[in-house]
Amino acid sequence: MKALSLVIALFLAVALAACGSVAESVQPAPTSTPLPQAAATALPTVEAEVSTSAAQGDPAMGQQLFTTFQPKVGTTCTACHRVDSDDRLVGPGLLHVAERAATRMTGVSAADYLHTSIVDPSAYVVDGYPDIMPKNWSAAFDESQLNDLVAYLMSLSANATIASASTSGEY
């Protein structure tokens, strides 16, 4: 029993260390800060490319990437994020994340917001959360894999609806 407790404590310590520490440069950024005018005019082209690509992503492959250990980052997304609820683990719970992402930044689509949140986690730090997400996810995933991840995150609400309907006998 003592060995099991030690293993669990060690696992939790490694998982939390992989996500960073609260003492590391905590820089909460407001989510409603407008972009500088120059960036706002250049952004639509990038947004259109990301949205189109994310729409072509494979949610099933994204789920596999989300749950697989990524050696270049030293962790997995599931070490810090839940997908079965909105409850906080280390980072925000991701059930219904597409709906929240769609309302975070005016003029930024949910898919674009999620893509940016993966490749540049400091760009949009939600109030109440420290800026501790690893900054090297873009080194772990190529653009196609990032699109798969975004497609998976965008599907979480739809999957939750289908799952609840199937357990209640409705479709």
C-alpha atoms as a PDB file:
ATOM      1  CA  MET A   1       0.000   0.000   0.000  1.00  0.00           C
ATOM      2  CA  LYS A   2       2.873   2.325   0.837  1.00  0.00           C
ATOM      3  CA  ALA A   3       4.471   1.580  -2.551  1.00  0.00           C
ATOM      4  CA  LEU A   4       1.213   2.364  -4.371  1.00  0.00           C
ATOM      5  CA  SER A   5       0.939   5.715  -2.584  1.00  0.00           C
ATOM      6  CA  LEU A   6       4.515   6.504  -3.542  1.00  0.00           C
ATOM      7  CA  VAL A   7       3.853   5.624  -7.205  1.00  0.00           C
ATOM      8  CA  ILE A   8       0.726   7.819  -7.294  1.00  0.00           C
ATOM      9  CA  ALA A   9       2.543  10.735  -5.654  1.00  0.00           C
ATOM     10  CA  LEU A  10       5.429  10.373  -8.114  1.00  0.00           C
ATOM     11  CA  PHE A  11       3.044  10.298 -11.091  1.00  0.00           C
ATOM     12  CA  LEU A  12       1.255  13.457  -9.907  1.00  0.00           C
ATOM     13  CA  ALA A  13       4.560  15.236  -9.327  1.00  0.00           C
ATOM     14  CA  VAL A  14       5.764  14.375 -12.849  1.00  0.00           C
ATOM     15  CA  ALA A  15       2.448  15.405 -14.419  1.00  0.00           C
ATOM     16  CA  LEU A  16       2.440  18.748 -12.641  1.00  0.00           C
ATOM     17  CA  ALA A  17       6.115  19.361 -13.424  1.00  0.00           C
ATOM     18  CA  ALA A  18       5.437  18.686 -17.106  1.00  0.00           C
ATOM     19  CA  CYS A  19       2.819  21.413 -17.142  1.00  0.00           C
ATOM     20  CA  GLY A  20       5.135  23.935 -15.488  1.00  0.00           C
ATOM     21  CA  SER A  21       4.843  25.527 -12.108  1.00  0.00           C
ATOM     22  CA  VAL A  22       2.716  28.367 -10.869  1.00  0.00           C
ATOM     23  CA  ALA A  23       5.894  30.172  -9.819  1.00  0.00           C
ATOM     24  CA  GLU A  24       7.020  30.354 -13.464  1.00  0.00           C
ATOM     25  CA  SER A  25       6.311  33.679 -15.102  1.00  0.00           C
ATOM     26  CA  VAL A  26       2.648  34.014 -14.254  1.00  0.00           C
ATOM     27  CA  GLN A  27       1.310  36.477 -16.784  1.00  0.00           C
ATOM     28  CA  PRO A  28      -2.456  36.371 -16.972  1.00  0.00           C
ATOM     29  CA  ALA A  29      -3.491  38.174 -20.130  1.00  0.00           C
ATOM     30  CA  PRO A  30      -6.958  39.599 -20.550  1.00  0.00           C
ATOM     31  CA  THR A  31      -8.915  37.836 -23.249  1.00  0.00           C
ATOM     32  CA  SER A  32     -10.618  40.990 -24.423  1.00  0.00           C
ATOM     33  CA  THR A  33      -7.499  43.004 -25.260  1.00  0.00           C
ATOM     34  CA  PRO A  34      -7.865  44.306 -28.825  1.00  0.00           C
ATOM     35  CA  LEU A  35      -5.150  43.497 -31.329  1.00  0.00           C
ATOM     36  CA  PRO A  36      -2.987  46.356 -32.585  1.00  0.00           C
ATOM     37  CA  GLN A  37      -4.386  47.817 -35.808  1.00  0.00           C
ATOM     38  CA  ALA A  38      -1.553  46.452 -37.974  1.00  0.00           C
ATOM     39  CA  ALA A  39      -2.077  42.920 -36.635  1.00  0.00           C
ATOM     40  CA  ALA A  40      -5.845  43.172 -36.995  1.00  0.00           C
ATOM     41  CA  THR A  41      -5.584  43.964 -40.699  1.00  0.00           C
ATOM     42  CA  ALA A  42      -3.134  41.132 -41.391  1.00  0.00           C
ATOM     43  CA  LEU A  43      -5.016  38.511 -39.352  1.00  0.00           C
ATOM     44  CA  PRO A  44      -7.971  37.615 -41.640  1.00  0.00           C
ATOM     45  CA  THR A  45      -5.772  35.901 -44.239  1.00  0.00           C
ATOM     46  CA  VAL A  46      -4.111  33.756 -41.554  1.00  0.00           C
ATOM     47  CA  GLU A  47      -7.475  33.049 -39.901  1.00  0.00           C
ATOM     48  CA  ALA A  48      -9.005  31.906 -43.180  1.00  0.00           C
ATOM     49  CA  GLU A  49      -6.114  29.521 -43.814  1.00  0.00           C
ATOM     50  CA  VAL A  50      -6.228  28.065 -40.296  1.00  0.00           C
ATOM     51  CA  SER A  51     -10.029  27.732 -40.262  1.00  0.00           C
ATOM     52  CA  THR A  52     -10.067  25.997 -43.624  1.00  0.00           C
ATOM     53  CA  SER A  53      -7.266  23.633 -42.610  1.00  0.00           C
ATOM     54  CA  ALA A  54      -8.816  22.898 -39.215  1.00  0.00           C
ATOM     55  CA  ALA A  55     -12.104  22.054 -40.909  1.00  0.00           C
ATOM     56  CA  GLN A  56     -10.158  19.463 -42.913  1.00  0.00           C
ATOM     57  CA  GLY A  57      -8.547  17.955 -39.807  1.00  0.00           C
ATOM     58  CA  ASP A  58      -9.346  14.426 -38.633  1.00  0.00           C
ATOM     59  CA  PRO A  59     -10.925  14.448 -35.142  1.00  0.00           C
ATOM     60  CA  ALA A  60     -10.105  10.752 -34.559  1.00  0.00           C
ATOM     61  CA  MET A  61      -6.426  11.368 -35.318  1.00  0.00           C
ATOM     62  CA  GLY A  62      -6.570  14.495 -33.152  1.00  0.00           C
ATOM     63  CA  GLN A  63      -7.895  12.430 -30.247  1.00  0.00           C
ATOM     64  CA  GLN A  64      -5.028   9.983 -30.669  1.00  0.00           C
ATOM     65  CA  LEU A  65      -2.491  12.840 -30.685  1.00  0.00           C
ATOM     66  CA  PHE A  66      -4.175  14.418 -27.650  1.00  0.00           C
ATOM     67  CA  THR A  67      -3.782  11.248 -25.587  1.00  0.00           C
ATOM     68  CA  THR A  68      -0.315  10.191 -26.797  1.00  0.00           C
ATOM     69  CA  PHE A  69       2.887  11.133 -24.962  1.00  0.00           C
ATOM     70  CA  GLN A  70       4.837  13.676 -27.001  1.00  0.00           C
ATOM     71  CA  PRO A  71       8.599  13.286 -26.381  1.00  0.00           C
ATOM     72  CA  LYS A  72       9.463  16.749 -27.795  1.00  0.00           C
ATOM     73  CA  VAL A  73       7.235  18.327 -25.144  1.00  0.00           C
ATOM     74  CA  GLY A  74       7.729  15.755 -22.412  1.00  0.00           C
ATOM     75  CA  THR A  75       4.042  15.245 -21.672  1.00  0.00           C
ATOM     76  CA  THR A  76       0.618  14.619 -23.124  1.00  0.00           C
ATOM     77  CA  CYS A  77      -2.347  16.994 -23.371  1.00  0.00           C
ATOM     78  CA  THR A  78      -4.299  14.756 -20.972  1.00  0.00           C
ATOM     79  CA  ALA A  79      -1.779  15.420 -18.198  1.00  0.00           C
ATOM     80  CA  CYS A  80      -3.267  18.900 -17.842  1.00  0.00           C
ATOM     81  CA  HIS A  81      -6.667  18.907 -19.587  1.00  0.00           C
ATOM     82  CA  ARG A  82      -9.879  16.954 -19.106  1.00  0.00           C
ATOM     83  CA  VAL A  83     -12.152  16.334 -22.072  1.00  0.00           C
ATOM     84  CA  ASP A  84     -15.062  14.822 -20.163  1.00  0.00           C
ATOM     85  CA  SER A  85     -15.948  18.010 -18.269  1.00  0.00           C
ATOM     86  CA  ASP A  86     -15.321  21.736 -18.075  1.00  0.00           C
ATOM     87  CA  ASP A  87     -13.646  21.266 -14.683  1.00  0.00           C
ATOM     88  CA  ARG A  88     -10.083  22.410 -14.237  1.00  0.00           C
ATOM     89  CA  LEU A  89      -7.346  19.801 -13.929  1.00  0.00           C
ATOM     90  CA  VAL A  90      -4.176  21.889 -14.294  1.00  0.00           C
ATOM     91  CA  GLY A  91      -5.432  23.688 -17.374  1.00  0.00           C
ATOM     92  CA  PRO A  92      -9.065  24.273 -18.312  1.00  0.00           C
ATOM     93  CA  GLY A  93     -11.434  21.380 -18.931  1.00  0.00           C
ATOM     94  CA  LEU A  94     -12.132  21.154 -22.653  1.00  0.00           C
ATOM     95  CA  LEU A  95     -15.689  19.845 -22.860  1.00  0.00           C
ATOM     96  CA  HIS A  96     -17.622  22.522 -24.794  1.00  0.00           C
ATOM     97  CA  VAL A  97     -14.350  24.341 -25.565  1.00  0.00           C
ATOM     98  CA  ALA A  98     -15.528  25.221 -29.089  1.00  0.00           C
ATOM     99  CA  GLU A  99     -18.420  27.267 -27.701  1.00  0.00           C
ATOM    100  CA  ARG A 100     -16.144  29.099 -25.259  1.00  0.00           C
ATOM    101  CA  ALA A 101     -13.441  29.648 -27.879  1.00  0.00           C
ATOM    102  CA  ALA A 102     -15.968  31.207 -30.265  1.00  0.00           C
ATOM    103  CA  THR A 103     -16.692  33.967 -27.739  1.00  0.00           C
ATOM    104  CA  ARG A 104     -13.179  34.738 -26.460  1.00  0.00           C
ATOM    105  CA  MET A 105     -11.922  37.182 -29.095  1.00  0.00           C
ATOM    106  CA  THR A 106     -14.068  39.305 -31.373  1.00  0.00           C
ATOM    107  CA  GLY A 107     -13.323  38.497 -35.009  1.00  0.00           C
ATOM    108  CA  VAL A 108     -11.424  35.283 -34.204  1.00  0.00           C
ATOM    109  CA  SER A 109     -13.128  31.983 -34.994  1.00  0.00           C
ATOM    110  CA  ALA A 110     -13.162  29.146 -32.472  1.00  0.00           C
ATOM    111  CA  ALA A 111     -10.838  27.055 -34.660  1.00  0.00           C
ATOM    112  CA  ASP A 112      -8.362  29.920 -35.020  1.00  0.00           C
ATOM    113  CA  TYR A 113      -8.470  30.627 -31.278  1.00  0.00           C
ATOM    114  CA  LEU A 114      -7.773  26.964 -30.477  1.00  0.00           C
ATOM    115  CA  HIS A 115      -4.987  26.700 -33.065  1.00  0.00           C
ATOM    116  CA  THR A 116      -3.274  29.805 -31.691  1.00  0.00           C
ATOM    117  CA  SER A 117      -3.756  28.570 -28.120  1.00  0.00           C
ATOM    118  CA  ILE A 118      -1.773  25.434 -29.008  1.00  0.00           C
ATOM    119  CA  VAL A 119       1.069  26.978 -31.027  1.00  0.00           C
ATOM    120  CA  ASP A 120       1.338  30.196 -28.980  1.00  0.00           C
ATOM    121  CA  PRO A 121      -0.194  29.444 -25.564  1.00  0.00           C
ATOM    122  CA  SER A 122       0.700  32.878 -24.191  1.00  0.00           C
ATOM    123  CA  ALA A 123      -1.394  34.640 -26.839  1.00  0.00           C
ATOM    124  CA  TYR A 124      -4.696  34.007 -25.052  1.00  0.00           C
ATOM    125  CA  VAL A 125      -4.404  33.228 -21.356  1.00  0.00           C
ATOM    126  CA  VAL A 126      -7.825  32.917 -19.775  1.00  0.00           C
ATOM    127  CA  ASP A 127      -8.387  34.950 -16.611  1.00  0.00           C
ATOM    128  CA  GLY A 128      -7.688  32.893 -13.506  1.00  0.00           C
ATOM    129  CA  TYR A 129      -5.140  30.610 -15.194  1.00  0.00           C
ATOM    130  CA  PRO A 130      -1.370  31.044 -15.008  1.00  0.00           C
ATOM    131  CA  ASP A 131       0.633  31.076 -18.241  1.00  0.00           C
ATOM    132  CA  ILE A 132       2.196  27.624 -17.713  1.00  0.00           C
ATOM    133  CA  MET A 133       1.255  25.657 -20.823  1.00  0.00           C
ATOM    134  CA  PRO A 134       4.358  24.290 -22.591  1.00  0.00           C
ATOM    135  CA  LYS A 135       5.404  26.620 -25.394  1.00  0.00           C
ATOM    136  CA  ASN A 136       6.825  23.981 -27.744  1.00  0.00           C
ATOM    137  CA  TRP A 137       3.741  22.131 -29.010  1.00  0.00           C
ATOM    138  CA  SER A 138       4.430  23.418 -32.525  1.00  0.00           C
ATOM    139  CA  ALA A 139       7.715  21.479 -32.387  1.00  0.00           C
ATOM    140  CA  ALA A 140       5.817  18.290 -31.560  1.00  0.00           C
ATOM    141  CA  PHE A 141       3.140  18.584 -34.256  1.00  0.00           C
ATOM    142  CA  ASP A 142       3.230  19.504 -37.928  1.00  0.00           C
ATOM    143  CA  GLU A 143       0.456  21.669 -39.390  1.00  0.00           C
ATOM    144  CA  SER A 144      -1.658  18.668 -40.423  1.00  0.00           C
ATOM    145  CA  GLN A 145      -1.486  17.250 -36.889  1.00  0.00           C
ATOM    146  CA  LEU A 146      -2.362  20.645 -35.419  1.00  0.00           C
ATOM    147  CA  ASN A 147      -5.425  20.702 -37.681  1.00  0.00           C
ATOM    148  CA  ASP A 148      -6.336  17.215 -36.413  1.00  0.00           C
ATOM    149  CA  LEU A 149      -6.027  18.417 -32.801  1.00  0.00           C
ATOM    150  CA  VAL A 150      -8.205  21.452 -33.483  1.00  0.00           C
ATOM    151  CA  ALA A 151     -10.787  19.285 -35.252  1.00  0.00           C
ATOM    152  CA  TYR A 152     -10.837  16.982 -32.202  1.00  0.00           C
ATOM    153  CA  LEU A 153     -11.265  19.894 -29.788  1.00  0.00           C
ATOM    154  CA  MET A 154     -14.022  21.341 -31.971  1.00  0.00           C
ATOM    155  CA  SER A 155     -15.788  17.954 -31.871  1.00  0.00           C
ATOM    156  CA  LEU A 156     -15.853  17.593 -28.096  1.00  0.00           C
ATOM    157  CA  SER A 157     -19.232  19.276 -27.693  1.00  0.00           C
ATOM    158  CA  ALA A 158     -20.751  17.250 -30.536  1.00  0.00           C
ATOM    159  CA  ASN A 159     -19.341  14.037 -29.028  1.00  0.00           C
ATOM    160  CA  ALA A 160     -20.777  14.968 -25.633  1.00  0.00           C
ATOM    161  CA  THR A 161     -24.207  15.489 -27.189  1.00  0.00           C
ATOM    162  CA  ILE A 162     -24.034  12.183 -29.054  1.00  0.00           C
ATOM    163  CA  ALA A 163     -22.773  10.359 -25.938  1.00  0.00           C
ATOM    164  CA  SER A 164     -25.541  11.746 -23.734  1.00  0.00           C
ATOM    165  CA  ALA A 165     -28.159  10.975 -26.387  1.00  0.00           C
ATOM    166  CA  SER A 166     -26.923   7.403 -26.759  1.00  0.00           C
ATOM    167  CA  THR A 167     -27.036   6.786 -23.017  1.00  0.00           C
ATOM    168  CA  SER A 168     -30.550   8.169 -22.817  1.00  0.00           C
ATOM    169  CA  GLY A 169     -31.758   6.217 -25.864  1.00  0.00           C
ATOM    170  CA  GLU A 170     -32.333   9.356 -27.973  1.00  0.00           C
ATOM    171  CA  TYR A 171     -30.742  10.380 -31.269  1.00  0.00           C
END
